[in-house]
Structure formats: C-alpha cells, structure tokens
C-alpha cells in the first residue's frame, strides 16, 4: 500500500489543524473539536473535507486504518473507540454532510 501526502488536501488541513498532537486544546471530545473546525470554516471547505473523507475510505478500503496511521499519527481512532472509517463517519455526522 502506497500512502502519499497531498492526495487529500482539505482532509490533511483538517486533520493537521484540528487533530494534531495537542488536539485536546481545541476541545475535549471529537464533537467539540469538529464543531470548532466547522465554526471557523466555509461551507465549501466543509463540503470538500466530507468528499475527501469518502474518497479516502473508498480508496484505501480494508487498508484505511493503516493508511490513516501513516498520515496522521497524532490521533489514533482505535483509542477513541473507532476505526478510521467510523471516525470519519462520526466527523461527517457532526459536520452534517
């Protein structure tokens, strides 16, 4: 599996900006962090990040968890009770996309 940066620019911005190593500074829960992102983002940015989450899971399929770990080491969905796919589903639910 080849995982490359730059393929999902809006998603990478979202993950790097809100789910970085100190992501708890933006909120104590996934919901608080995602709402912080949504409050500071345009509708177009939210739409793009939702599309890129769908594309990421579709592209990596069964390897989504491993690809997620390679790209975003600062947050582990498993420690939050999620797989990569279910983490993105939760984020999309909060974003209402």
Protein backbone atom coordinates (compact mmCIF):
# COMPACT_ATOMS: atom_id res chain seq x y z
CA UNK A 1 0.00 0.00 0.00
CA UNK A 2 1.38 3.36 -1.04
CA UNK A 3 0.19 6.31 1.03
CA UNK A 4 1.06 9.74 -0.29
CA UNK A 5 0.58 13.18 1.16
CA UNK A 6 -1.20 15.78 -0.93
CA UNK A 7 -3.88 13.50 -2.31
CA UNK A 8 -6.49 14.83 0.13
CA UNK A 9 -5.53 18.48 0.74
CA UNK A 10 -8.65 19.62 2.62
CA UNK A 11 -8.68 16.49 4.79
CA UNK A 12 -4.98 16.89 5.52
CA UNK A 13 -5.60 20.52 6.53
CA UNK A 14 -8.46 19.43 8.78
CA UNK A 15 -6.51 16.63 10.44
CA UNK A 16 -3.31 18.67 10.80
CA UNK A 17 -5.11 21.76 12.05
CA UNK A 18 -7.60 20.20 14.45
CA UNK A 19 -6.39 16.69 15.27
CA UNK A 20 -2.70 17.46 15.78
CA UNK A 21 -0.65 16.24 18.76
CA UNK A 22 -2.33 18.81 21.04
CA UNK A 23 -5.79 18.32 19.58
CA UNK A 24 -7.31 18.34 23.06
CA UNK A 25 -6.61 22.07 23.14
CA UNK A 26 -9.43 22.52 20.61
CA UNK A 27 -11.92 20.55 22.69
CA UNK A 28 -12.22 17.57 24.98
CA UNK A 29 -14.24 15.41 22.60
CA UNK A 30 -14.33 14.66 18.90
CA UNK A 31 -17.58 16.61 18.71
CA UNK A 32 -16.11 19.73 20.31
CA UNK A 33 -13.06 19.67 18.03
CA UNK A 34 -15.14 19.14 14.89
CA UNK A 35 -17.56 21.91 15.87
CA UNK A 36 -14.57 24.23 16.35
CA UNK A 37 -13.45 23.38 12.81
CA UNK A 38 -16.95 23.87 11.41
CA UNK A 39 -17.39 27.23 13.15
CA UNK A 40 -14.21 28.54 11.53
CA UNK A 41 -14.64 27.05 8.07
CA UNK A 42 -16.62 27.90 4.98
CA UNK A 43 -19.42 25.68 3.71
CA UNK A 44 -17.18 24.87 0.72
CA UNK A 45 -14.33 23.71 2.98
CA UNK A 46 -16.73 21.50 4.93
CA UNK A 47 -18.13 20.06 1.70
CA UNK A 48 -14.62 19.30 0.40
CA UNK A 49 -13.44 17.66 3.63
CA UNK A 50 -16.53 15.44 3.61
CA UNK A 51 -15.91 14.40 0.00
CA UNK A 52 -12.27 13.67 0.77
CA UNK A 53 -13.17 11.50 3.78
CA UNK A 54 -15.42 9.45 1.50
CA UNK A 55 -12.69 9.21 -1.14
CA UNK A 56 -10.07 8.20 1.43
CA UNK A 57 -12.14 5.27 2.72
CA UNK A 58 -13.15 4.25 -0.81
CA UNK A 59 -9.54 4.40 -2.00
CA UNK A 60 -7.93 2.51 0.89
CA UNK A 61 -10.81 0.19 1.77
CA UNK A 62 -9.61 -2.51 4.17
CA UNK A 63 -6.29 -0.67 4.49
CA UNK A 64 -7.93 2.57 5.72
CA UNK A 65 -6.74 2.11 9.29
CA UNK A 66 -3.12 1.57 8.25
CA UNK A 67 -3.22 4.49 5.80
CA UNK A 68 -4.75 6.72 8.48
CA UNK A 69 -1.95 5.81 10.92
CA UNK A 70 0.70 6.59 8.31
CA UNK A 71 -0.74 10.02 7.52
CA UNK A 72 -1.98 11.18 10.92
CA UNK A 73 -0.02 9.76 13.82
CA UNK A 74 -1.23 12.35 16.32
CA UNK A 75 -4.67 10.79 16.72
CA UNK A 76 -5.50 7.11 16.92
CA UNK A 77 -9.15 6.37 16.16
CA UNK A 78 -8.80 3.00 17.89
CA UNK A 79 -8.05 4.74 21.19
CA UNK A 80 -11.25 6.73 20.67
CA UNK A 81 -13.31 3.59 20.04
CA UNK A 82 -13.30 3.93 16.23
CA UNK A 83 -11.83 2.58 13.06
CA UNK A 84 -10.68 5.15 10.50
CA UNK A 85 -13.96 4.70 8.63
CA UNK A 86 -16.15 5.06 11.71
CA UNK A 87 -14.11 8.06 12.90
CA UNK A 88 -14.80 9.76 9.56
CA UNK A 89 -18.49 8.80 9.79
CA UNK A 90 -18.66 10.45 13.22
CA UNK A 91 -16.94 13.56 11.89
CA UNK A 92 -19.34 13.71 8.93
CA UNK A 93 -22.31 13.30 11.25
CA UNK A 94 -21.16 16.30 13.28
CA UNK A 95 -20.46 18.32 10.14
CA UNK A 96 -23.90 17.31 8.82
CA UNK A 97 -22.59 16.23 5.43
